[in-house]
Amino acid sequence: AAHLVDGPYRAALYLLDRDGTCTADKLDATLGDLDVAHPNHIGGVFARLRNQRLIEIAGYQQSTRPQRRGGIQAVWRPTPLFRHLKATGQLPEVGEAA
């Protein structure tokens, strides 16, 4: 399986572009063993993307990560601005390594 090599922010951009949605569970699973400075870092990624007006909440679902004990998480989707920046090549490039 391919592993993302550009960190949590670029991984979130990749998942949003590839799948059309992203959750904390999905981003956590994608990052795997990548050393993240703090568990709240993933939430910070979504806050940054939201503040940049690149994502919006599409809904909510129950987390499947054991450490979340069934807590609710947001399902994020790209905004029209995200799609415009992607179409015009203005989003940061997202890389994969085999």
PDB file of N, CA and C in Angstrom:
ATOM      1  N   ALA A   1       0.843  -1.188   0.000  1.00  0.00           N
ATOM      2  CA  ALA A   1       0.000   0.000   0.000  1.00  0.00           C
ATOM      3  C   ALA A   1       0.879   1.240   0.000  1.00  0.00           C
ATOM      4  N   ALA A   2       0.378   2.276  -0.618  1.00  0.00           N
ATOM      5  CA  ALA A   2       1.133   3.524  -0.673  1.00  0.00           C
ATOM      6  C   ALA A   2       0.974   4.268   0.643  1.00  0.00           C
ATOM      7  N   HIS A   3       1.995   4.987   1.007  1.00  0.00           N
ATOM      8  CA  HIS A   3       1.966   5.792   2.227  1.00  0.00           C
ATOM      9  C   HIS A   3       2.170   7.254   1.853  1.00  0.00           C
ATOM     10  N   LEU A   4       1.403   8.122   2.440  1.00  0.00           N
ATOM     11  CA  LEU A   4       1.570   9.545   2.190  1.00  0.00           C
ATOM     12  C   LEU A   4       2.820  10.026   2.902  1.00  0.00           C
ATOM     13  N   VAL A   5       3.548  10.899   2.259  1.00  0.00           N
ATOM     14  CA  VAL A   5       4.820  11.336   2.819  1.00  0.00           C
ATOM     15  C   VAL A   5       4.858  12.819   3.141  1.00  0.00           C
ATOM     16  N   ASP A   6       3.761  13.545   2.964  1.00  0.00           N
ATOM     17  CA  ASP A   6       3.781  14.992   3.111  1.00  0.00           C
ATOM     18  C   ASP A   6       3.125  15.494   4.391  1.00  0.00           C
ATOM     19  N   GLY A   7       2.899  14.650   5.352  1.00  0.00           N
ATOM     20  CA  GLY A   7       2.378  15.084   6.629  1.00  0.00           C
ATOM     21  C   GLY A   7       0.860  15.163   6.683  1.00  0.00           C
ATOM     22  N   PRO A   8       0.355  15.450   7.872  1.00  0.00           N
ATOM     23  CA  PRO A   8      -1.093  15.424   8.101  1.00  0.00           C
ATOM     24  C   PRO A   8      -1.897  16.401   7.238  1.00  0.00           C
ATOM     25  N   TYR A   9      -1.400  17.610   7.033  1.00  0.00           N
ATOM     26  CA  TYR A   9      -2.152  18.597   6.251  1.00  0.00           C
ATOM     27  C   TYR A   9      -2.322  18.132   4.807  1.00  0.00           C
ATOM     28  N   ARG A  10      -1.233  17.725   4.207  1.00  0.00           N
ATOM     29  CA  ARG A  10      -1.298  17.259   2.812  1.00  0.00           C
ATOM     30  C   ARG A  10      -2.046  15.940   2.701  1.00  0.00           C
ATOM     31  N   ALA A  11      -1.945  15.115   3.732  1.00  0.00           N
ATOM     32  CA  ALA A  11      -2.705  13.859   3.725  1.00  0.00           C
ATOM     33  C   ALA A  11      -4.200  14.152   3.721  1.00  0.00           C
ATOM     34  N   ALA A  12      -4.627  15.139   4.506  1.00  0.00           N
ATOM     35  CA  ALA A  12      -6.043  15.510   4.526  1.00  0.00           C
ATOM     36  C   ALA A  12      -6.477  16.038   3.165  1.00  0.00           C
ATOM     37  N   LEU A  13      -5.650  16.874   2.534  1.00  0.00           N
ATOM     38  CA  LEU A  13      -5.969  17.374   1.191  1.00  0.00           C
ATOM     39  C   LEU A  13      -6.120  16.213   0.210  1.00  0.00           C
ATOM     40  N   TYR A  14      -5.210  15.263   0.308  1.00  0.00           N
ATOM     41  CA  TYR A  14      -5.252  14.093  -0.579  1.00  0.00           C
ATOM     42  C   TYR A  14      -6.546  13.305  -0.386  1.00  0.00           C
ATOM     43  N   LEU A  15      -6.909  13.032   0.864  1.00  0.00           N
ATOM     44  CA  LEU A  15      -8.119  12.253   1.139  1.00  0.00           C
ATOM     45  C   LEU A  15      -9.374  12.997   0.684  1.00  0.00           C
ATOM     46  N   LEU A  16      -9.417  14.287   0.921  1.00  0.00           N
ATOM     47  CA  LEU A  16     -10.569  15.090   0.486  1.00  0.00           C
ATOM     48  C   LEU A  16     -10.700  15.054  -1.029  1.00  0.00           C
ATOM     49  N   ASP A  17      -9.578  15.162  -1.713  1.00  0.00           N
ATOM     50  CA  ASP A  17      -9.592  15.135  -3.175  1.00  0.00           C
ATOM     51  C   ASP A  17      -9.942  13.748  -3.702  1.00  0.00           C
ATOM     52  N   ARG A  18      -9.345  12.721  -3.122  1.00  0.00           N
ATOM     53  CA  ARG A  18      -9.550  11.353  -3.600  1.00  0.00           C
ATOM     54  C   ARG A  18     -10.935  10.814  -3.274  1.00  0.00           C
ATOM     55  N   ASP A  19     -11.385  11.020  -2.024  1.00  0.00           N
ATOM     56  CA  ASP A  19     -12.615  10.383  -1.549  1.00  0.00           C
ATOM     57  C   ASP A  19     -13.826  11.313  -1.502  1.00  0.00           C
ATOM     58  N   GLY A  20     -13.581  12.608  -1.529  1.00  0.00           N
ATOM     59  CA  GLY A  20     -14.683  13.556  -1.434  1.00  0.00           C
ATOM     60  C   GLY A  20     -15.098  13.878  -0.017  1.00  0.00           C
ATOM     61  N   THR A  21     -14.586  13.140   0.961  1.00  0.00           N
ATOM     62  CA  THR A  21     -14.821  13.421   2.381  1.00  0.00           C
ATOM     63  C   THR A  21     -13.586  13.001   3.166  1.00  0.00           C
ATOM     64  N   CYS A  22     -13.541  13.443   4.413  1.00  0.00           N
ATOM     65  CA  CYS A  22     -12.453  13.040   5.306  1.00  0.00           C
ATOM     66  C   CYS A  22     -12.948  13.141   6.741  1.00  0.00           C
ATOM     67  N   THR A  23     -12.514  12.202   7.573  1.00  0.00           N
ATOM     68  CA  THR A  23     -12.812  12.209   9.005  1.00  0.00           C
ATOM     69  C   THR A  23     -11.495  12.064   9.767  1.00  0.00           C
ATOM     70  N   ALA A  24     -11.551  12.318  11.057  1.00  0.00           N
ATOM     71  CA  ALA A  24     -10.367  12.120  11.896  1.00  0.00           C
ATOM     72  C   ALA A  24      -9.935  10.655  11.868  1.00  0.00           C
ATOM     73  N   ASP A  25     -10.891   9.728  11.874  1.00  0.00           N
ATOM     74  CA  ASP A  25     -10.551   8.303  11.805  1.00  0.00           C
ATOM     75  C   ASP A  25      -9.789   7.980  10.524  1.00  0.00           C
ATOM     76  N   LYS A  26     -10.293   8.494   9.411  1.00  0.00           N
ATOM     77  CA  LYS A  26      -9.672   8.207   8.112  1.00  0.00           C
ATOM     78  C   LYS A  26      -8.267   8.811   8.046  1.00  0.00           C
ATOM     79  N   LEU A  27      -8.120  10.040   8.535  1.00  0.00           N
ATOM     80  CA  LEU A  27      -6.806  10.683   8.522  1.00  0.00           C
ATOM     81  C   LEU A  27      -5.843   9.957   9.443  1.00  0.00           C
ATOM     82  N   ASP A  28      -6.302   9.563  10.622  1.00  0.00           N
ATOM     83  CA  ASP A  28      -5.466   8.815  11.564  1.00  0.00           C
ATOM     84  C   ASP A  28      -5.004   7.496  10.945  1.00  0.00           C
ATOM     85  N   ALA A  29      -5.906   6.787  10.293  1.00  0.00           N
ATOM     86  CA  ALA A  29      -5.548   5.511   9.662  1.00  0.00           C
ATOM     87  C   ALA A  29      -4.568   5.715   8.507  1.00  0.00           C
ATOM     88  N   THR A  30      -4.730   6.796   7.779  1.00  0.00           N
ATOM     89  CA  THR A  30      -3.843   7.083   6.653  1.00  0.00           C
ATOM     90  C   THR A  30      -2.440   7.427   7.131  1.00  0.00           C
ATOM     91  N   LEU A  31      -2.361   8.169   8.226  1.00  0.00           N
ATOM     92  CA  LEU A  31      -1.057   8.565   8.753  1.00  0.00           C
ATOM     93  C   LEU A  31      -0.317   7.388   9.358  1.00  0.00           C
ATOM     94  N   GLY A  32      -1.063   6.418   9.867  1.00  0.00           N
ATOM     95  CA  GLY A  32      -0.434   5.225  10.429  1.00  0.00           C
ATOM     96  C   GLY A  32       0.575   5.552  11.496  1.00  0.00           C
ATOM     97  N   ASP A  33       1.806   5.138  11.277  1.00  0.00           N
ATOM     98  CA  ASP A  33       2.865   5.301  12.269  1.00  0.00           C
ATOM     99  C   ASP A  33       3.611   6.621  12.160  1.00  0.00           C
ATOM    100  N   LEU A  34       3.161   7.508  11.269  1.00  0.00           N
ATOM    101  CA  LEU A  34       3.802   8.812  11.159  1.00  0.00           C
ATOM    102  C   LEU A  34       3.745   9.500  12.516  1.00  0.00           C
ATOM    103  N   ASP A  35       4.876   9.980  12.977  1.00  0.00           N
ATOM    104  CA  ASP A  35       4.946  10.611  14.298  1.00  0.00           C
ATOM    105  C   ASP A  35       4.243  11.956  14.257  1.00  0.00           C
ATOM    106  N   VAL A  36       3.114  12.043  14.931  1.00  0.00           N
ATOM    107  CA  VAL A  36       2.370  13.293  15.041  1.00  0.00           C
ATOM    108  C   VAL A  36       2.690  13.871  16.413  1.00  0.00           C
ATOM    109  N   ALA A  37       2.995  15.161  16.443  1.00  0.00           N
ATOM    110  CA  ALA A  37       3.468  15.803  17.676  1.00  0.00           C
ATOM    111  C   ALA A  37       2.525  15.610  18.855  1.00  0.00           C
ATOM    112  N   HIS A  38       1.233  15.615  18.622  1.00  0.00           N
ATOM    113  CA  HIS A  38       0.260  15.530  19.700  1.00  0.00           C
ATOM    114  C   HIS A  38      -1.036  14.974  19.115  1.00  0.00           C
ATOM    115  N   PRO A  39      -1.781  14.171  19.865  1.00  0.00           N
ATOM    116  CA  PRO A  39      -3.033  13.620  19.329  1.00  0.00           C
ATOM    117  C   PRO A  39      -4.007  14.689  18.839  1.00  0.00           C
ATOM    118  N   ASN A  40      -3.982  15.878  19.426  1.00  0.00           N
ATOM    119  CA  ASN A  40      -4.875  16.944  18.982  1.00  0.00           C
ATOM    120  C   ASN A  40      -4.449  17.563  17.658  1.00  0.00           C
ATOM    121  N   HIS A  41      -3.295  17.156  17.152  1.00  0.00           N
ATOM    122  CA  HIS A  41      -2.792  17.704  15.897  1.00  0.00           C
ATOM    123  C   HIS A  41      -3.768  17.458  14.751  1.00  0.00           C
ATOM    124  N   ILE A  42      -4.418  16.306  14.748  1.00  0.00           N
ATOM    125  CA  ILE A  42      -5.371  15.990  13.675  1.00  0.00           C
ATOM    126  C   ILE A  42      -6.522  16.995  13.687  1.00  0.00           C
ATOM    127  N   GLY A  43      -7.036  17.302  14.864  1.00  0.00           N
ATOM    128  CA  GLY A  43      -8.074  18.325  14.953  1.00  0.00           C
ATOM    129  C   GLY A  43      -7.587  19.674  14.458  1.00  0.00           C
ATOM    130  N   GLY A  44      -6.316  19.965  14.714  1.00  0.00           N
ATOM    131  CA  GLY A  44      -5.721  21.212  14.241  1.00  0.00           C
ATOM    132  C   GLY A  44      -5.665  21.295  12.725  1.00  0.00           C
ATOM    133  N   VAL A  45      -5.456  20.151  12.096  1.00  0.00           N
ATOM    134  CA  VAL A  45      -5.446  20.103  10.628  1.00  0.00           C
ATOM    135  C   VAL A  45      -6.815  20.515  10.090  1.00  0.00           C
ATOM    136  N   PHE A  46      -7.875  19.942  10.665  1.00  0.00           N
ATOM    137  CA  PHE A  46      -9.221  20.287  10.199  1.00  0.00           C
ATOM    138  C   PHE A  46      -9.559  21.746  10.518  1.00  0.00           C
ATOM    139  N   ALA A  47      -9.114  22.247  11.666  1.00  0.00           N
ATOM    140  CA  ALA A  47      -9.357  23.659  12.018  1.00  0.00           C
ATOM    141  C   ALA A  47      -8.668  24.572  11.010  1.00  0.00           C
ATOM    142  N   ARG A  48      -7.439  24.226  10.650  1.00  0.00           N
ATOM    143  CA  ARG A  48      -6.705  25.033   9.665  1.00  0.00           C
ATOM    144  C   ARG A  48      -7.415  25.041   8.320  1.00  0.00           C
ATOM    145  N   LEU A  49      -7.825  23.860   7.850  1.00  0.00           N
ATOM    146  CA  LEU A  49      -8.530  23.771   6.563  1.00  0.00           C
ATOM    147  C   LEU A  49      -9.860  24.521   6.603  1.00  0.00           C
ATOM    148  N   ARG A  50     -10.561  24.433   7.724  1.00  0.00           N
ATOM    149  CA  ARG A  50     -11.830  25.157   7.867  1.00  0.00           C
ATOM    150  C   ARG A  50     -11.587  26.665   7.873  1.00  0.00           C
ATOM    151  N   ASN A  51     -10.564  27.106   8.594  1.00  0.00           N
ATOM    152  CA  ASN A  51     -10.248  28.533   8.642  1.00  0.00           C
ATOM    153  C   ASN A  51      -9.825  29.071   7.278  1.00  0.00           C
ATOM    154  N   GLN A  52      -9.265  28.214   6.455  1.00  0.00           N
ATOM    155  CA  GLN A  52      -8.881  28.592   5.091  1.00  0.00           C
ATOM    156  C   GLN A  52     -10.070  28.492   4.127  1.00  0.00           C
ATOM    157  N   ARG A  53     -11.220  28.099   4.670  1.00  0.00           N
ATOM    158  CA  ARG A  53     -12.463  27.928   3.908  1.00  0.00           C
ATOM    159  C   ARG A  53     -12.340  26.860   2.813  1.00  0.00           C
ATOM    160  N   LEU A  54     -11.539  25.833   3.091  1.00  0.00           N
ATOM    161  CA  LEU A  54     -11.351  24.746   2.135  1.00  0.00           C
ATOM    162  C   LEU A  54     -12.264  23.561   2.417  1.00  0.00           C
ATOM    163  N   ILE A  55     -12.793  23.468   3.658  1.00  0.00           N
ATOM    164  CA  ILE A  55     -13.675  22.354   4.007  1.00  0.00           C
ATOM    165  C   ILE A  55     -14.881  22.868   4.774  1.00  0.00           C
ATOM    166  N   GLU A  56     -15.928  22.041   4.764  1.00  0.00           N
ATOM    167  CA  GLU A  56     -17.139  22.322   5.535  1.00  0.00           C
ATOM    168  C   GLU A  56     -17.672  20.994   6.057  1.00  0.00           C
ATOM    169  N   ILE A  57     -18.494  21.066   7.079  1.00  0.00           N
ATOM    170  CA  ILE A  57     -19.051  19.848   7.659  1.00  0.00           C
ATOM    171  C   ILE A  57     -20.159  19.302   6.756  1.00  0.00           C
ATOM    172  N   ALA A  58     -20.023  18.028   6.419  1.00  0.00           N
ATOM    173  CA  ALA A  58     -21.039  17.345   5.615  1.00  0.00           C
ATOM    174  C   ALA A  58     -21.998  16.572   6.514  1.00  0.00           C
ATOM    175  N   GLY A  59     -21.574  16.288   7.739  1.00  0.00           N
ATOM    176  CA  GLY A  59     -22.389  15.525   8.674  1.00  0.00           C
ATOM    177  C   GLY A  59     -21.533  15.044   9.825  1.00  0.00           C
ATOM    178  N   TYR A  60     -22.093  14.112  10.571  1.00  0.00           N
ATOM    179  CA  TYR A  60     -21.397  13.553  11.734  1.00  0.00           C
ATOM    180  C   TYR A  60     -21.575  12.043  11.725  1.00  0.00           C
ATOM    181  N   GLN A  61     -20.605  11.349  12.311  1.00  0.00           N
ATOM    182  CA  GLN A  61     -20.714   9.900  12.462  1.00  0.00           C
ATOM    183  C   GLN A  61     -19.955   9.468  13.697  1.00  0.00           C
ATOM    184  N   GLN A  62     -20.230   8.255  14.114  1.00  0.00           N
ATOM    185  CA  GLN A  62     -19.572   7.706  15.294  1.00  0.00           C
ATOM    186  C   GLN A  62     -18.172   7.240  14.923  1.00  0.00           C
ATOM    187  N   SER A  63     -17.219   7.561  15.773  1.00  0.00           N
ATOM    188  CA  SER A  63     -15.842   7.130  15.565  1.00  0.00           C
ATOM    189  C   SER A  63     -15.721   5.625  15.796  1.00  0.00           C
ATOM    190  N   THR A  64     -14.856   4.993  15.036  1.00  0.00           N
ATOM    191  CA  THR A  64     -14.590   3.561  15.218  1.00  0.00           C
ATOM    192  C   THR A  64     -13.260   3.311  15.926  1.00  0.00           C
ATOM    193  N   ARG A  65     -12.515   4.373  16.223  1.00  0.00           N
ATOM    194  CA  ARG A  65     -11.249   4.188  16.934  1.00  0.00           C
ATOM    195  C   ARG A  65     -11.534   3.869  18.396  1.00  0.00           C
ATOM    196  N   PRO A  66     -10.933   2.803  18.921  1.00  0.00           N
ATOM    197  CA  PRO A  66     -11.194   2.398  20.310  1.00  0.00           C
ATOM    198  C   PRO A  66     -10.946   3.512  21.323  1.00  0.00           C
ATOM    199  N   GLN A  67      -9.892   4.289  21.111  1.00  0.00           N
ATOM    200  CA  GLN A  67      -9.575   5.345  22.081  1.00  0.00           C
ATOM    201  C   GLN A  67     -10.630   6.446  22.125  1.00  0.00           C
ATOM    202  N   ARG A  68     -11.482   6.528  21.104  1.00  0.00           N
ATOM    203  CA  ARG A  68     -12.563   7.522  21.089  1.00  0.00           C
ATOM    204  C   ARG A  68     -13.833   6.996  21.758  1.00  0.00           C
ATOM    205  N   ARG A  69     -13.904   5.705  22.014  1.00  0.00           N
ATOM    206  CA  ARG A  69     -15.032   5.084  22.712  1.00  0.00           C
ATOM    207  C   ARG A  69     -16.384   5.468  22.110  1.00  0.00           C
ATOM    208  N   GLY A  70     -16.447   5.458  20.778  1.00  0.00           N
ATOM    209  CA  GLY A  70     -17.717   5.721  20.102  1.00  0.00           C
ATOM    210  C   GLY A  70     -18.116   7.179  20.047  1.00  0.00           C
ATOM    211  N   GLY A  71     -17.177   8.081  20.296  1.00  0.00           N
ATOM    212  CA  GLY A  71     -17.486   9.510  20.238  1.00  0.00           C
ATOM    213  C   GLY A  71     -17.871   9.952  18.830  1.00  0.00           C
ATOM    214  N   ILE A  72     -18.513  11.088  18.745  1.00  0.00           N
ATOM    215  CA  ILE A  72     -18.954  11.618  17.463  1.00  0.00           C
ATOM    216  C   ILE A  72     -17.814  12.393  16.803  1.00  0.00           C
ATOM    217  N   GLN A  73     -17.720  12.255  15.488  1.00  0.00           N
ATOM    218  CA  GLN A  73     -16.725  12.996  14.731  1.00  0.00           C
ATOM    219  C   GLN A  73     -17.390  13.641  13.518  1.00  0.00           C
ATOM    220  N   ALA A  74     -16.819  14.729  13.067  1.00  0.00           N
ATOM    221  CA  ALA A  74     -17.322  15.413  11.883  1.00  0.00           C
ATOM    222  C   ALA A  74     -16.877  14.669  10.628  1.00  0.00           C
ATOM    223  N   VAL A  75     -17.723  14.721   9.624  1.00  0.00           N
ATOM    224  CA  VAL A  75     -17.369  14.281   8.274  1.00  0.00           C
ATOM    225  C   VAL A  75     -17.200  15.567   7.473  1.00  0.00           C
ATOM    226  N   TRP A  76     -15.997  15.787   6.971  1.00  0.00           N
ATOM    227  CA  TRP A  76     -15.671  17.009   6.246  1.00  0.00           C
ATOM    228  C   TRP A  76     -15.718  16.770   4.745  1.00  0.00           C
ATOM    229  N   ARG A  77     -16.123  17.806   4.000  1.00  0.00           N
ATOM    230  CA  ARG A  77     -16.116  17.732   2.543  1.00  0.00           C
ATOM    231  C   ARG A  77     -15.467  19.007   1.997  1.00  0.00           C
ATOM    232  N   PRO A  78     -14.953  18.929   0.775  1.00  0.00           N
ATOM    233  CA  PRO A  78     -14.358  20.120   0.159  1.00  0.00           C
ATOM    234  C   PRO A  78     -15.419  21.177  -0.134  1.00  0.00           C
ATOM    235  N   THR A  79     -15.026  22.427  -0.042  1.00  0.00           N
ATOM    236  CA  THR A  79     -15.903  23.539  -0.398  1.00  0.00           C
ATOM    237  C   THR A  79     -15.717  23.872  -1.881  1.00  0.00           C
ATOM    238  N   PRO A  80     -16.588  24.712  -2.424  1.00  0.00           N
ATOM    239  CA  PRO A  80     -16.363  25.175  -3.802  1.00  0.00           C
ATOM    240  C   PRO A  80     -14.985  25.832  -3.978  1.00  0.00           C
ATOM    241  N   LEU A  81     -14.490  26.543  -2.940  1.00  0.00           N
ATOM    242  CA  LEU A  81     -13.162  27.143  -3.029  1.00  0.00           C
ATOM    243  C   LEU A  81     -12.092  26.065  -3.187  1.00  0.00           C
ATOM    244  N   PHE A  82     -12.191  24.980  -2.424  1.00  0.00           N
ATOM    245  CA  PHE A  82     -11.249  23.862  -2.551  1.00  0.00           C
ATOM    246  C   PHE A  82     -11.229  23.371  -3.999  1.00  0.00           C
ATOM    247  N   ARG A  83     -12.424  23.119  -4.544  1.00  0.00           N
ATOM    248  CA  ARG A  83     -12.519  22.591  -5.912  1.00  0.00           C
ATOM    249  C   ARG A  83     -11.959  23.590  -6.932  1.00  0.00           C
ATOM    250  N   HIS A  84     -12.204  24.880  -6.715  1.00  0.00           N
ATOM    251  CA  HIS A  84     -11.663  25.905  -7.622  1.00  0.00           C
ATOM    252  C   HIS A  84     -10.133  25.920  -7.562  1.00  0.00           C
ATOM    253  N   LEU A  85      -9.581  25.914  -6.347  1.00  0.00           N
ATOM    254  CA  LEU A  85      -8.127  25.930  -6.204  1.00  0.00           C
ATOM    255  C   LEU A  85      -7.506  24.667  -6.789  1.00  0.00           C
ATOM    256  N   LYS A  86      -8.171  23.538  -6.625  1.00  0.00           N
ATOM    257  CA  LYS A  86      -7.677  22.282  -7.201  1.00  0.00           C
ATOM    258  C   LYS A  86      -7.684  22.369  -8.727  1.00  0.00           C
ATOM    259  N   ALA A  87      -8.789  22.855  -9.283  1.00  0.00           N
ATOM    260  CA  ALA A  87      -8.929  22.933 -10.745  1.00  0.00           C
ATOM    261  C   ALA A  87      -7.919  23.895 -11.368  1.00  0.00           C
ATOM    262  N   THR A  88      -7.529  24.919 -10.616  1.00  0.00           N
ATOM    263  CA  THR A  88      -6.601  25.909 -11.159  1.00  0.00           C
ATOM    264  C   THR A  88      -5.158  25.663 -10.707  1.00  0.00           C
ATOM    265  N   GLY A  89      -4.914  24.521 -10.067  1.00  0.00           N
ATOM    266  CA  GLY A  89      -3.558  24.149  -9.665  1.00  0.00           C
ATOM    267  C   GLY A  89      -2.991  24.952  -8.512  1.00  0.00           C
ATOM    268  N   GLN A  90      -3.855  25.533  -7.692  1.00  0.00           N
ATOM    269  CA  GLN A  90      -3.382  26.373  -6.600  1.00  0.00           C
ATOM    270  C   GLN A  90      -3.351  25.670  -5.242  1.00  0.00           C
ATOM    271  N   LEU A  91      -3.831  24.422  -5.158  1.00  0.00           N
ATOM    272  CA  LEU A  91      -3.706  23.653  -3.916  1.00  0.00           C
ATOM    273  C   LEU A  91      -2.294  23.098  -3.846  1.00  0.00           C
ATOM    274  N   PRO A  92      -1.734  22.949  -2.636  1.00  0.00           N
ATOM    275  CA  PRO A  92      -0.414  22.314  -2.534  1.00  0.00           C
ATOM    276  C   PRO A  92      -0.441  20.921  -3.158  1.00  0.00           C
ATOM    277  N   GLU A  93       0.650  20.573  -3.822  1.00  0.00           N
ATOM    278  CA  GLU A  93       0.741  19.244  -4.410  1.00  0.00           C
ATOM    279  C   GLU A  93       0.805  18.199  -3.308  1.00  0.00           C
ATOM    280  N   VAL A  94       0.158  17.088  -3.544  1.00  0.00           N
ATOM    281  CA  VAL A  94       0.100  16.005  -2.578  1.00  0.00           C
ATOM    282  C   VAL A  94       0.868  14.835  -3.165  1.00  0.00           C
ATOM    283  N   GLY A  95       1.830  14.311  -2.410  1.00  0.00           N
ATOM    284  CA  GLY A  95       2.668  13.232  -2.925  1.00  0.00           C
ATOM    285  C   GLY A  95       2.393  11.905  -2.271  1.00  0.00           C
ATOM    286  N   GLU A  96       2.669  10.854  -2.998  1.00  0.00           N
ATOM    287  CA  GLU A  96       2.578   9.483  -2.486  1.00  0.00           C
ATOM    288  C   GLU A  96       3.894   8.789  -2.783  1.00  0.00           C
ATOM    289  N   ALA A  97       4.266   7.873  -1.929  1.00  0.00           N
ATOM    290  CA  ALA A  97       5.424   7.031  -2.164  1.00  0.00           C
ATOM    291  C   ALA A  97       4.958   5.579  -2.087  1.00  0.00           C
ATOM    292  N   ALA A  98       5.467   4.764  -2.973  1.00  0.00           N
ATOM    293  CA  ALA A  98       5.083   3.349  -2.991  1.00  0.00           C
ATOM    294  C   ALA A  98       5.679   2.618  -1.811  1.00  0.00           C
TER     295      ALA A  98
END
